[in-house]
Protein backbone atom coordinates (compact mmCIF):
# COMPACT_ATOMS: atom_id res chain seq x y z
CA MET A 1 115.36 -142.41 5.69
CA THR A 2 112.99 -143.36 8.37
CA GLU A 3 112.93 -146.98 9.59
CA HIS A 4 109.59 -148.83 9.44
CA THR A 5 108.89 -152.01 11.46
CA GLY A 6 106.09 -154.52 10.70
CA ALA A 7 105.03 -152.97 7.47
CA HIS A 8 102.66 -155.96 6.73
CA GLY A 9 100.25 -156.03 9.94
CA PRO A 10 98.51 -153.56 12.20
CA SER A 11 100.27 -152.53 15.26
CA ALA A 12 98.97 -151.53 18.68
CA HIS A 13 98.71 -148.10 17.40
CA ASP A 14 96.61 -149.06 14.38
CA PRO A 15 93.90 -146.36 14.35
CA ILE A 16 91.21 -148.73 13.04
CA THR A 17 91.81 -151.35 15.67
CA HIS A 18 92.03 -148.80 18.44
CA ASP A 19 88.73 -147.13 17.52
CA ARG A 20 86.84 -150.45 17.27
CA ALA A 21 87.87 -151.48 20.76
CA ALA A 22 87.24 -148.10 22.25
CA HIS A 23 83.62 -148.01 21.00
CA ASP A 24 82.66 -151.62 21.67
CA ASP A 25 80.66 -150.79 24.82
CA ALA A 26 78.02 -153.42 24.12
CA GLY A 27 80.45 -156.21 23.76
CA LEU A 28 79.43 -157.04 20.28
CA PHE A 29 82.94 -157.73 19.25
CA THR A 30 84.30 -159.04 22.50
CA GLY A 31 81.56 -161.66 23.02
CA GLU A 32 80.47 -160.30 26.39
CA LEU A 33 76.79 -159.71 25.35
CA PHE A 34 75.73 -163.38 25.61
CA GLU A 35 76.10 -165.52 28.65
CA PRO A 36 77.30 -168.98 28.04
CA ILE A 37 74.44 -171.54 27.63
CA LYS A 38 74.17 -173.74 30.65
CA ASP A 39 73.20 -177.35 30.48
CA VAL A 40 69.46 -177.87 31.52
CA PRO A 41 68.61 -181.34 32.67
CA PRO A 42 65.70 -183.04 30.81
CA PRO A 43 62.30 -183.09 32.69
CA THR A 44 61.58 -186.17 34.71
CA ARG A 45 58.25 -188.05 34.93
CA SER A 46 57.63 -186.47 38.32
CA THR A 47 58.11 -182.94 37.12
CA ARG A 48 55.89 -183.52 34.10
CA SER A 49 53.10 -184.82 36.35
CA GLN A 50 53.39 -181.85 38.66
CA SER A 51 53.18 -179.50 35.69
CA ARG A 52 50.06 -181.21 34.37
CA ASN A 53 48.41 -181.09 37.82
CA SER A 54 49.23 -177.43 38.12
CA ASP A 55 47.71 -176.74 34.70
CA ARG A 56 44.56 -178.65 35.63
CA ARG A 57 44.17 -176.69 38.87
CA ARG A 58 44.55 -173.43 37.02
CA ARG A 59 41.94 -174.50 34.43
CA HIS A 60 39.57 -175.69 37.19
CA LYS A 61 39.83 -172.39 39.01
CA ARG A 62 39.26 -170.50 35.78
CA HIS A 63 36.19 -172.64 34.96
CA ARG A 64 34.80 -172.13 38.45
CA ARG A 65 35.15 -168.38 38.16
CA VAL A 66 33.39 -168.45 34.79
CA PHE A 67 30.62 -170.70 36.15
CA PHE A 68 29.95 -168.47 39.17
CA SER A 69 30.01 -165.37 36.99
CA LEU A 70 27.49 -166.87 34.56
CA GLY A 71 25.32 -168.02 37.47
CA ALA A 72 25.29 -164.53 38.96
CA ILE A 73 24.32 -163.05 35.58
CA ILE A 74 21.49 -165.58 35.19
CA VAL A 75 20.15 -164.79 38.68
CA VAL A 76 20.14 -161.07 37.88
CA LEU A 77 18.34 -161.69 34.57
CA VAL A 78 15.71 -163.90 36.23
CA VAL A 79 15.04 -161.27 38.91
CA LEU A 80 14.86 -158.54 36.29
CA ALA A 81 12.48 -160.62 34.16
CA SER A 82 10.19 -161.42 37.08
CA VAL A 83 10.03 -157.81 38.21
CA VAL A 84 9.95 -155.95 34.92
CA ILE A 85 9.70 -158.09 31.81
CA PHE A 86 7.19 -160.80 32.75
CA PRO A 87 4.53 -158.35 34.10
CA LYS A 88 4.83 -156.32 30.94
CA LEU A 89 4.45 -159.39 28.77
CA ARG A 90 1.48 -160.52 30.86
CA ASP A 91 -0.16 -157.11 30.53
CA HIS A 92 0.54 -157.18 26.80
CA PHE A 93 -1.28 -160.47 26.27
CA HIS A 94 -3.83 -160.09 29.11
CA ASP A 95 -5.77 -157.02 30.20
CA PRO A 96 -4.36 -155.60 33.47
CA ASP A 97 -6.61 -156.73 36.30
CA TYR A 98 -6.68 -156.85 40.07
CA ALA A 99 -7.31 -160.07 41.97
CA GLY A 100 -10.02 -160.63 44.56
CA ALA A 101 -13.02 -158.69 45.84
CA GLY A 102 -11.16 -155.49 46.76
CA SER A 103 -11.53 -153.46 49.92
CA GLY A 104 -12.96 -150.22 51.21
CA SER A 105 -15.94 -148.38 49.77
CA VAL A 106 -16.19 -146.54 46.45
CA THR A 107 -19.35 -144.82 45.20
CA VAL A 108 -19.87 -144.98 41.43
CA VAL A 109 -22.69 -143.63 39.28
CA ILE A 110 -23.75 -145.60 36.19
CA GLY A 111 -25.74 -143.46 33.77
CA GLU A 112 -28.66 -144.40 31.56
CA GLY A 113 -27.65 -146.27 28.42
CA ALA A 114 -24.05 -146.75 29.58
CA SER A 115 -22.16 -149.33 27.52
CA ALA A 116 -19.61 -151.80 28.88
CA THR A 117 -16.91 -149.42 27.64
CA ASP A 118 -18.51 -146.49 29.48
CA ILE A 119 -18.87 -148.51 32.68
CA GLY A 120 -15.33 -149.89 32.45
CA SER A 121 -13.89 -146.40 32.02
CA THR A 122 -15.88 -145.11 35.00
CA LEU A 123 -14.74 -147.99 37.21
CA ALA A 124 -11.10 -147.57 36.17
CA GLN A 125 -11.21 -143.81 36.84
CA HIS A 126 -12.50 -144.47 40.37
CA GLY A 127 -9.87 -147.14 41.07
CA VAL A 128 -12.40 -149.95 41.24
CA VAL A 129 -10.82 -152.01 38.44
CA LYS A 130 -7.27 -151.89 37.13
CA SER A 131 -8.27 -151.27 33.52
CA ALA A 132 -11.38 -150.61 31.47
CA ALA A 133 -10.26 -153.35 29.09
CA ALA A 134 -10.43 -155.96 31.87
CA PHE A 135 -14.03 -155.00 32.65
CA ILE A 136 -15.01 -154.99 28.97
CA SER A 137 -13.57 -158.49 28.63
CA ALA A 138 -15.48 -159.70 31.70
CA ALA A 139 -18.71 -158.11 30.40
CA ASN A 140 -18.29 -159.71 26.98
CA ASN A 141 -18.00 -163.11 28.65
CA ASN A 142 -21.16 -162.63 30.73
CA PRO A 143 -24.50 -162.12 28.91
CA ASP A 144 -26.04 -160.81 32.14
CA SER A 145 -23.87 -157.71 31.83
CA GLN A 146 -26.65 -156.29 29.63
CA LYS A 147 -28.85 -156.19 32.74
CA ILE A 148 -26.79 -153.59 34.63
CA GLN A 149 -29.19 -150.86 35.71
CA PRO A 150 -28.39 -147.15 35.87
CA GLY A 151 -27.95 -145.80 39.36
CA THR A 152 -25.51 -145.19 42.18
CA TYR A 153 -23.50 -148.21 43.37
CA THR A 154 -21.33 -148.89 46.40
CA LEU A 155 -18.32 -150.91 45.21
CA HIS A 156 -14.78 -151.58 46.49
CA ALA A 157 -11.32 -150.37 45.53
CA GLN A 158 -9.03 -152.62 43.47
CA MET A 159 -11.56 -155.31 42.59
CA SER A 160 -11.10 -157.90 39.90
CA ALA A 161 -13.20 -157.05 36.87
CA ALA A 162 -15.30 -160.20 37.35
CA SER A 163 -15.99 -159.29 41.00
CA ALA A 164 -16.98 -155.75 40.02
CA LEU A 165 -19.38 -157.08 37.39
CA THR A 166 -20.96 -159.47 39.90
CA LEU A 167 -21.52 -156.63 42.35
CA LEU A 168 -23.03 -154.38 39.68
CA LEU A 169 -25.55 -157.12 38.94
CA ASN A 170 -26.45 -157.35 42.65
CA SER A 171 -29.38 -155.09 43.50
CA GLU A 172 -28.09 -154.77 47.06
CA ALA A 173 -25.10 -152.78 45.78
CA ARG A 174 -27.36 -150.10 44.35
CA VAL A 175 -28.21 -147.05 46.41
CA GLN A 176 -31.97 -147.26 45.92
CA SER A 177 -32.66 -143.73 47.14
CA SER A 178 -30.98 -142.41 43.99
CA ASP A 179 -33.39 -144.26 41.69
CA LEU A 180 -36.57 -143.06 40.07
CA VAL A 181 -38.39 -146.11 38.77
CA VAL A 182 -41.07 -145.61 36.13
CA ILE A 183 -42.96 -148.89 35.74
CA GLU A 184 -44.79 -149.89 32.60
CA GLY A 185 -48.30 -148.51 32.71
CA ALA A 186 -47.48 -145.76 35.22
CA THR A 187 -49.41 -142.52 34.73
CA THR A 188 -48.16 -138.95 35.02
CA LEU A 189 -49.86 -138.87 38.44
CA ASP A 190 -47.80 -141.89 39.55
CA ILE A 191 -44.60 -140.39 38.16
CA GLU A 192 -45.21 -137.10 39.94
CA GLU A 193 -45.28 -138.89 43.30
CA ARG A 194 -42.14 -140.84 42.48
CA MET A 195 -40.32 -137.65 41.52
CA VAL A 196 -41.39 -136.02 44.79
CA LYS A 197 -40.02 -139.00 46.68
CA ALA A 198 -36.69 -138.76 44.82
CA LEU A 199 -36.28 -134.96 44.95
CA GLY A 200 -38.15 -134.09 48.12
CA GLU A 201 -41.53 -132.56 48.93
CA SER A 202 -40.10 -129.06 48.58
CA GLN A 203 -39.70 -129.73 44.85
CA ARG A 204 -43.37 -130.58 44.25
CA PRO A 205 -44.30 -127.18 42.70
CA GLN A 206 -41.37 -127.42 40.28
CA ILE A 207 -42.28 -131.01 39.45
CA GLU A 208 -45.90 -130.13 38.74
CA GLN A 209 -44.82 -127.24 36.52
CA ALA A 210 -42.32 -129.39 34.62
CA LEU A 211 -45.02 -132.00 33.92
CA LYS A 212 -47.20 -129.26 32.45
CA ASP A 213 -44.51 -127.70 30.26
CA VAL A 214 -45.15 -129.85 27.22
CA ALA A 215 -43.39 -127.41 24.89
CA ASP A 216 -40.14 -127.64 26.87
CA ALA A 217 -40.13 -131.40 27.41
CA GLY A 218 -38.35 -132.33 24.20
CA LEU A 219 -41.18 -134.34 22.62
CA PRO A 220 -40.63 -135.85 19.17
CA LEU A 221 -42.18 -134.19 16.15
CA GLY A 222 -45.13 -135.80 14.39
CA TYR A 223 -47.13 -136.69 17.51
CA ALA A 224 -49.67 -133.89 17.37
CA PRO A 225 -53.25 -135.12 17.99
CA ASP A 226 -54.43 -133.25 14.90
CA GLY A 227 -51.72 -134.81 12.75
CA SER A 228 -49.88 -131.54 12.13
CA ALA A 229 -46.15 -131.69 11.72
CA ASN A 230 -45.25 -129.21 14.44
CA GLY A 231 -48.23 -129.48 16.77
CA LEU A 232 -47.98 -130.72 20.37
CA PRO A 233 -50.23 -132.88 22.53
CA SER A 234 -51.83 -131.40 25.63
CA THR A 235 -50.10 -133.74 28.06
CA LEU A 236 -46.86 -135.70 28.54
CA GLU A 237 -48.85 -138.88 29.15
CA GLY A 238 -47.47 -141.67 27.01
CA PHE A 239 -44.05 -140.03 26.45
CA LEU A 240 -42.48 -140.71 29.88
CA TYR A 241 -40.78 -143.96 28.96
CA PRO A 242 -40.74 -146.68 31.65
CA ALA A 243 -37.22 -147.31 32.98
CA THR A 244 -35.03 -146.80 36.02
CA TYR A 245 -33.51 -143.32 36.08
CA ASN A 246 -30.65 -142.24 38.28
CA VAL A 247 -31.27 -138.98 40.11
CA GLY A 248 -27.97 -137.18 40.57
CA GLU A 249 -27.18 -134.47 43.09
CA ASN A 250 -27.76 -131.65 40.61
CA GLU A 251 -30.85 -133.17 38.99
CA THR A 252 -33.88 -130.95 38.35
CA PRO A 253 -37.47 -131.85 37.39
CA PRO A 254 -37.00 -130.67 33.77
CA SER A 255 -33.76 -132.64 33.42
CA ILE A 256 -35.40 -135.82 34.72
CA ILE A 257 -38.37 -135.41 32.39
CA GLY A 258 -35.93 -134.79 29.55
CA LYS A 259 -34.34 -138.18 30.28
CA MET A 260 -37.76 -139.87 30.06
CA THR A 261 -38.81 -138.24 26.80
CA GLY A 262 -35.31 -138.85 25.42
CA ALA A 263 -35.69 -142.55 26.22
CA PHE A 264 -39.05 -142.57 24.43
CA ILE A 265 -37.51 -140.99 21.34
CA ALA A 266 -34.72 -143.59 21.39
CA GLN A 267 -37.28 -146.40 21.58
CA ASP A 268 -39.38 -144.81 18.84
CA ARG A 269 -36.40 -144.68 16.50
CA GLN A 270 -35.13 -148.13 17.39
CA SER A 271 -38.49 -149.83 16.88
CA GLY A 272 -39.70 -147.68 13.98
CA PHE A 273 -42.85 -146.92 15.96
CA ALA A 274 -44.00 -143.86 13.99
CA LEU A 275 -43.41 -145.61 10.66
CA GLY A 276 -45.26 -148.70 11.90
CA ALA A 277 -48.25 -146.57 12.81
CA LYS A 278 -48.41 -145.05 9.34
CA ALA A 279 -48.29 -148.54 7.85
CA LEU A 280 -51.55 -149.23 9.72
CA ASN A 281 -53.06 -145.99 8.36
CA ILE A 282 -53.19 -144.41 11.82
CA SER A 283 -51.18 -141.51 13.22
CA PRO A 284 -48.25 -142.06 15.60
CA TYR A 285 -50.29 -140.40 18.37
CA GLU A 286 -53.22 -142.73 17.80
CA ALA A 287 -50.85 -145.68 17.92
CA LEU A 288 -49.46 -144.35 21.22
CA ILE A 289 -52.99 -144.17 22.64
CA ILE A 290 -53.65 -147.77 21.54
CA ALA A 291 -50.36 -148.87 23.12
CA SER A 292 -51.35 -147.24 26.42
CA LEU A 293 -54.74 -149.01 26.37
CA ALA A 294 -53.12 -152.37 25.62
CA GLN A 295 -50.59 -151.78 28.40
CA SER A 296 -53.33 -151.07 30.93
CA GLU A 297 -55.64 -153.91 29.87
CA ALA A 298 -53.22 -156.83 29.39
CA LYS A 299 -50.40 -158.34 31.43
CA PHE A 300 -48.70 -160.42 28.74
CA PRO A 301 -47.20 -159.31 25.40
CA ASP A 302 -49.22 -161.84 23.36
CA ASP A 303 -52.44 -160.53 24.87
CA MET A 304 -51.36 -156.92 24.28
CA ALA A 305 -51.07 -157.56 20.55
CA LYS A 306 -54.55 -159.11 20.54
CA VAL A 307 -56.03 -156.22 22.53
CA ALA A 308 -54.57 -153.85 19.93
CA ARG A 309 -56.29 -155.89 17.23
CA VAL A 310 -59.63 -155.76 19.09
CA ILE A 311 -59.34 -151.97 19.33
CA LEU A 312 -58.64 -151.64 15.61
CA ASN A 313 -61.50 -154.01 14.78
CA ARG A 314 -63.98 -152.07 16.91
CA LEU A 315 -62.86 -148.76 15.46
CA ALA A 316 -63.25 -150.16 11.94
CA SER A 317 -66.78 -151.38 12.73
CA GLN A 318 -67.64 -148.09 14.51
CA ARG A 319 -68.26 -149.81 17.84
CA LYS A 320 -67.56 -148.09 21.13
CA LEU A 321 -64.39 -149.44 22.69
CA GLN A 322 -65.94 -150.00 26.16
CA ILE A 323 -62.54 -150.24 27.87
CA ASP A 324 -62.72 -150.00 31.67
CA ALA A 325 -59.12 -148.78 32.07
CA ALA A 326 -59.92 -145.57 30.18
CA THR A 327 -62.81 -144.73 32.52
CA VAL A 328 -60.56 -145.43 35.53
CA TYR A 329 -57.96 -143.00 34.18
CA GLY A 330 -60.55 -140.25 33.76
CA ALA A 331 -61.65 -140.73 37.36
CA LYS A 332 -58.07 -140.50 38.64
CA LEU A 333 -57.50 -137.25 36.73
CA ASN A 334 -60.51 -135.85 38.59
CA GLY A 335 -59.19 -137.08 41.93
CA VAL A 336 -62.03 -139.62 42.25
CA ASP A 337 -61.54 -143.13 43.63
CA PRO A 338 -62.20 -145.43 40.65
CA THR A 339 -63.64 -148.14 42.90
CA THR A 340 -66.57 -145.82 43.74
CA ILE A 341 -67.80 -145.21 40.19
CA ASP A 342 -69.82 -147.05 37.56
CA TYR A 343 -67.45 -147.57 34.65
CA THR A 344 -70.24 -147.41 32.10
CA SER A 345 -71.78 -144.12 33.24
CA TYR A 346 -69.09 -142.00 34.91
CA ASP A 347 -68.83 -139.21 32.39
CA THR A 348 -65.41 -137.90 31.37
CA PRO A 349 -63.85 -137.58 27.91
CA TYR A 350 -62.13 -140.89 28.70
CA ASN A 351 -65.28 -142.95 29.17
CA THR A 352 -65.29 -145.18 26.08
CA TYR A 353 -68.70 -146.57 26.98
CA LEU A 354 -70.17 -143.12 26.43
CA HIS A 355 -67.91 -141.68 23.73
CA ASP A 356 -66.93 -142.98 20.32
CA GLY A 357 -63.42 -143.59 19.16
CA LEU A 358 -60.17 -143.44 21.08
CA PRO A 359 -59.69 -141.47 24.32
CA PRO A 360 -58.30 -137.97 23.73
CA THR A 361 -54.83 -138.86 25.07
CA PRO A 362 -52.87 -141.92 26.17
CA ILE A 363 -54.02 -143.25 29.55
CA SER A 364 -50.58 -144.47 30.71
CA ASN A 365 -46.94 -144.67 29.71
CA PRO A 366 -46.48 -147.90 27.73
CA GLY A 367 -43.35 -150.02 27.65
CA ALA A 368 -41.61 -151.66 24.72
CA ASP A 369 -43.98 -154.67 24.51
CA ALA A 370 -47.10 -152.53 24.37
CA LEU A 371 -45.56 -150.18 21.82
CA GLN A 372 -44.69 -153.14 19.61
CA ALA A 373 -48.19 -154.58 20.07
CA ALA A 374 -49.77 -151.35 18.84
CA ILE A 375 -47.91 -151.39 15.53
CA HIS A 376 -47.83 -155.18 15.12
CA PRO A 377 -51.30 -156.33 16.22
CA THR A 378 -52.03 -160.04 15.97
CA PRO A 379 -54.23 -160.86 12.97
CA GLY A 380 -57.75 -161.87 14.03
CA ASN A 381 -61.45 -160.97 13.93
CA TRP A 382 -61.95 -160.62 17.70
CA ILE A 383 -64.10 -157.85 19.11
CA TYR A 384 -64.38 -159.03 22.73
CA TYR A 385 -61.96 -160.07 25.46
CA VAL A 386 -62.21 -160.89 29.15
CA ASN A 387 -60.01 -162.34 31.92
CA ASP A 388 -59.64 -166.07 31.50
CA SER A 389 -57.41 -167.13 34.39
CA ALA A 390 -56.23 -166.13 37.85
CA ASP A 391 -52.85 -165.02 36.49
CA GLY A 392 -54.42 -162.53 34.08
CA HIS A 393 -54.44 -164.22 30.68
CA LEU A 394 -57.28 -163.03 28.43
CA TYR A 395 -59.91 -164.85 26.40
CA PHE A 396 -60.68 -163.41 22.93
CA THR A 397 -63.74 -164.00 20.74
CA ASN A 398 -65.93 -162.40 18.10
CA ASN A 399 -69.07 -164.12 19.38
CA GLU A 400 -71.17 -162.20 21.90
CA ASP A 401 -72.72 -165.33 23.48
CA ASP A 402 -69.28 -166.85 23.99
CA PHE A 403 -68.15 -163.58 25.50
CA ASN A 404 -71.04 -163.49 27.98
CA THR A 405 -70.32 -167.08 29.01
CA ALA A 406 -66.66 -166.17 29.55
CA VAL A 407 -67.71 -163.16 31.65
CA ASP A 408 -69.81 -165.38 33.92
CA LYS A 409 -66.88 -167.76 34.29
CA CYS A 410 -64.62 -164.85 35.19
CA ARG A 411 -67.01 -163.57 37.85
CA ASN A 412 -67.60 -167.02 39.36
CA ASN A 413 -63.87 -167.54 39.73
CA ASN A 414 -63.16 -164.01 41.01
CA TRP A 415 -60.71 -163.34 38.18
CA GLY A 416 -61.32 -159.60 38.27
CA CYS A 417 -64.57 -159.10 36.39
CA ALA A 418 -66.94 -156.56 37.92
């Protein structure tokens, strides 16, 4: 038998105990993993105060860094707003505009009948104003903007819209040499000379031919002397509407005349001239002749409407018109100085002392007031008129004795009675 010692406890050679010790590298079983806990003294009042001060300094530094960071961001945003955002907001709520009177010299052409929108666009395209909208706004706030005349203007670059408008209303800014001015009561003879002045003497033959080409002048229909629908008058007299016309570099006599007749057509349509004539039981051409007589005989619109009534009254009573201005026109067509003739006896188709009815054509180119007078004559029974003051007002009557007395008064005061 084999002898056994210590049968009731493990020995040094116990395989379980040996393996546990051999593999306990981490000290889990030997207690070597944890260091013994040392005694830490409790914090004193001094150490607590130092800790609080340290915490406050750290918080203060952190707050300062945040404050400076926010300040830098705010500065950047303000600069960005002033450079980018604010101008865009301003332009959104206000029309972009320059400030001041501008500088340099810019030549701009304003055409006939140009609206504020047209003018604003032209100025913006030439760099005169910053935007067409700014000029339109300035024009809407100034009633005088309606008085801007067509023509060539010398303006400045980068002007405020208000400054540009002021300069356009200043006649000194207009290049007068580019203008062809047709005054109320001007005749075709007067207009020929003005066209020669604007285009040059070398253009006289072309101007004369254009004034004769009635068929190519763009006259409105319904103005034939015989009342036919498609007939044409023998002359452009009466159809060359008084206005200021800009003469561009490429302008020709026919194109200028086309502007004048086009302006007449526009006035005819706007005022209902042809329809007004028919309401009086006269043709549009007869009304145009009456308008030209009223234009040449009277200076003031009220008198023009009364002259038109006198003409209608005399025609209705089959009296000769006896209008001096018609005889003067006939003399001018013949190249005769009107001051050398006797108005009552100088014989042309235009002498209304010798011939019944209206002259064969208008004797001038009437303006808007005279055209209105012809179709809206003042009611009255007058058959005579004569100058009644130095400024050209007329006296009207249906009594021959009163008329003769008024004629003597006119002569004694040198008011223009022959």
